[in-house]
Amino acid sequence: MNIVELREKSPEDLKKELLELNKVSFGLRMQLSSGQLAKTSEVKKIKREIARIKTVLAEKGVAV
């Protein structure tokens, strides 16, 4: 998702999306550790998306 799109969302929506991405990240890390993950680049993409959302929340002054 684009940073401009994230800035347009409400803090509640961003927190929901952050929670969902954390769940996805956990699943990917479990697959990676067990050797079942085919696309290892997905872990990096999810980490960056989480960082973007946390940055926007910090800009809005919302505690994570």
C-alpha atoms as a PDB file:
ATOM      1  CA  MET A   1       0.000   0.000   0.000  1.00  0.00           C
ATOM      2  CA  ASN A   2       1.132   3.496  -0.810  1.00  0.00           C
ATOM      3  CA  ILE A   3       2.114   5.932   1.977  1.00  0.00           C
ATOM      4  CA  VAL A   4      -0.401   8.488   0.645  1.00  0.00           C
ATOM      5  CA  GLU A   5      -3.206   5.947   0.982  1.00  0.00           C
ATOM      6  CA  LEU A   6      -2.116   5.176   4.527  1.00  0.00           C
ATOM      7  CA  ARG A   7      -2.153   8.838   5.520  1.00  0.00           C
ATOM      8  CA  GLU A   8      -5.775   9.114   4.361  1.00  0.00           C
ATOM      9  CA  LYS A   9      -6.930   6.313   6.666  1.00  0.00           C
ATOM     10  CA  SER A  10      -8.140   6.820  10.213  1.00  0.00           C
ATOM     11  CA  PRO A  11      -5.973   5.705  13.146  1.00  0.00           C
ATOM     12  CA  GLU A  12      -8.466   2.953  13.982  1.00  0.00           C
ATOM     13  CA  ASP A  13      -8.216   1.516  10.471  1.00  0.00           C
ATOM     14  CA  LEU A  14      -4.434   1.690  10.622  1.00  0.00           C
ATOM     15  CA  LYS A  15      -4.365  -0.154  13.940  1.00  0.00           C
ATOM     16  CA  LYS A  16      -6.614  -2.894  12.518  1.00  0.00           C
ATOM     17  CA  GLU A  17      -4.369  -3.248   9.502  1.00  0.00           C
ATOM     18  CA  LEU A  18      -1.285  -3.309  11.722  1.00  0.00           C
ATOM     19  CA  LEU A  19      -2.777  -6.128  13.779  1.00  0.00           C
ATOM     20  CA  GLU A  20      -3.571  -8.106  10.627  1.00  0.00           C
ATOM     21  CA  LEU A  21      -0.069  -7.614   9.227  1.00  0.00           C
ATOM     22  CA  ASN A  22       1.460  -8.737  12.522  1.00  0.00           C
ATOM     23  CA  LYS A  23      -0.550 -11.960  12.255  1.00  0.00           C
ATOM     24  CA  VAL A  24       0.616 -12.461   8.674  1.00  0.00           C
ATOM     25  CA  SER A  25       4.200 -11.762   9.715  1.00  0.00           C
ATOM     26  CA  PHE A  26       4.008 -14.369  12.455  1.00  0.00           C
ATOM     27  CA  GLY A  27       2.699 -16.971  10.011  1.00  0.00           C
ATOM     28  CA  LEU A  28       5.428 -16.200   7.507  1.00  0.00           C
ATOM     29  CA  ARG A  29       8.125 -16.451  10.168  1.00  0.00           C
ATOM     30  CA  MET A  30       6.799 -19.841  11.251  1.00  0.00           C
ATOM     31  CA  GLN A  31       6.795 -21.060   7.653  1.00  0.00           C
ATOM     32  CA  LEU A  32      10.318 -19.714   7.169  1.00  0.00           C
ATOM     33  CA  SER A  33      11.654 -21.476  10.235  1.00  0.00           C
ATOM     34  CA  SER A  34      10.067 -24.775   9.246  1.00  0.00           C
ATOM     35  CA  GLY A  35      11.348 -24.509   5.672  1.00  0.00           C
ATOM     36  CA  GLN A  36       7.897 -24.304   4.058  1.00  0.00           C
ATOM     37  CA  LEU A  37       8.102 -20.725   2.787  1.00  0.00           C
ATOM     38  CA  ALA A  38       8.676 -20.536  -0.967  1.00  0.00           C
ATOM     39  CA  LYS A  39       8.774 -16.736  -1.361  1.00  0.00           C
ATOM     40  CA  THR A  40      11.174 -15.502   1.287  1.00  0.00           C
ATOM     41  CA  SER A  41      10.869 -11.943  -0.019  1.00  0.00           C
ATOM     42  CA  GLU A  42       7.351 -11.768   1.438  1.00  0.00           C
ATOM     43  CA  VAL A  43       8.822 -11.428   4.940  1.00  0.00           C
ATOM     44  CA  LYS A  44      10.685  -8.285   3.913  1.00  0.00           C
ATOM     45  CA  LYS A  45       7.617  -6.797   2.206  1.00  0.00           C
ATOM     46  CA  ILE A  46       5.454  -7.326   5.280  1.00  0.00           C
ATOM     47  CA  LYS A  47       8.099  -5.815   7.576  1.00  0.00           C
ATOM     48  CA  ARG A  48       8.261  -2.702   5.412  1.00  0.00           C
ATOM     49  CA  GLU A  49       4.480  -2.380   5.350  1.00  0.00           C
ATOM     50  CA  ILE A  50       4.369  -2.636   9.153  1.00  0.00           C
ATOM     51  CA  ALA A  51       7.038   0.065   9.393  1.00  0.00           C
ATOM     52  CA  ARG A  52       5.058   2.341   7.056  1.00  0.00           C
ATOM     53  CA  ILE A  53       1.928   1.997   9.165  1.00  0.00           C
ATOM     54  CA  LYS A  54       3.835   2.642  12.396  1.00  0.00           C
ATOM     55  CA  THR A  55       5.394   5.735  10.826  1.00  0.00           C
ATOM     56  CA  VAL A  56       2.017   7.143   9.812  1.00  0.00           C
ATOM     57  CA  LEU A  57       0.605   6.436  13.277  1.00  0.00           C
ATOM     58  CA  ALA A  58       3.565   8.275  14.820  1.00  0.00           C
ATOM     59  CA  GLU A  59       3.014  11.220  12.481  1.00  0.00           C
ATOM     60  CA  LYS A  60      -0.610  11.399  13.600  1.00  0.00           C
ATOM     61  CA  GLY A  61       0.485  11.275  17.231  1.00  0.00           C
ATOM     62  CA  VAL A  62      -1.281   8.011  18.019  1.00  0.00           C
ATOM     63  CA  ALA A  63       0.324   5.571  20.446  1.00  0.00           C
ATOM     64  CA  VAL A  64       0.773   2.090  19.017  1.00  0.00           C
END
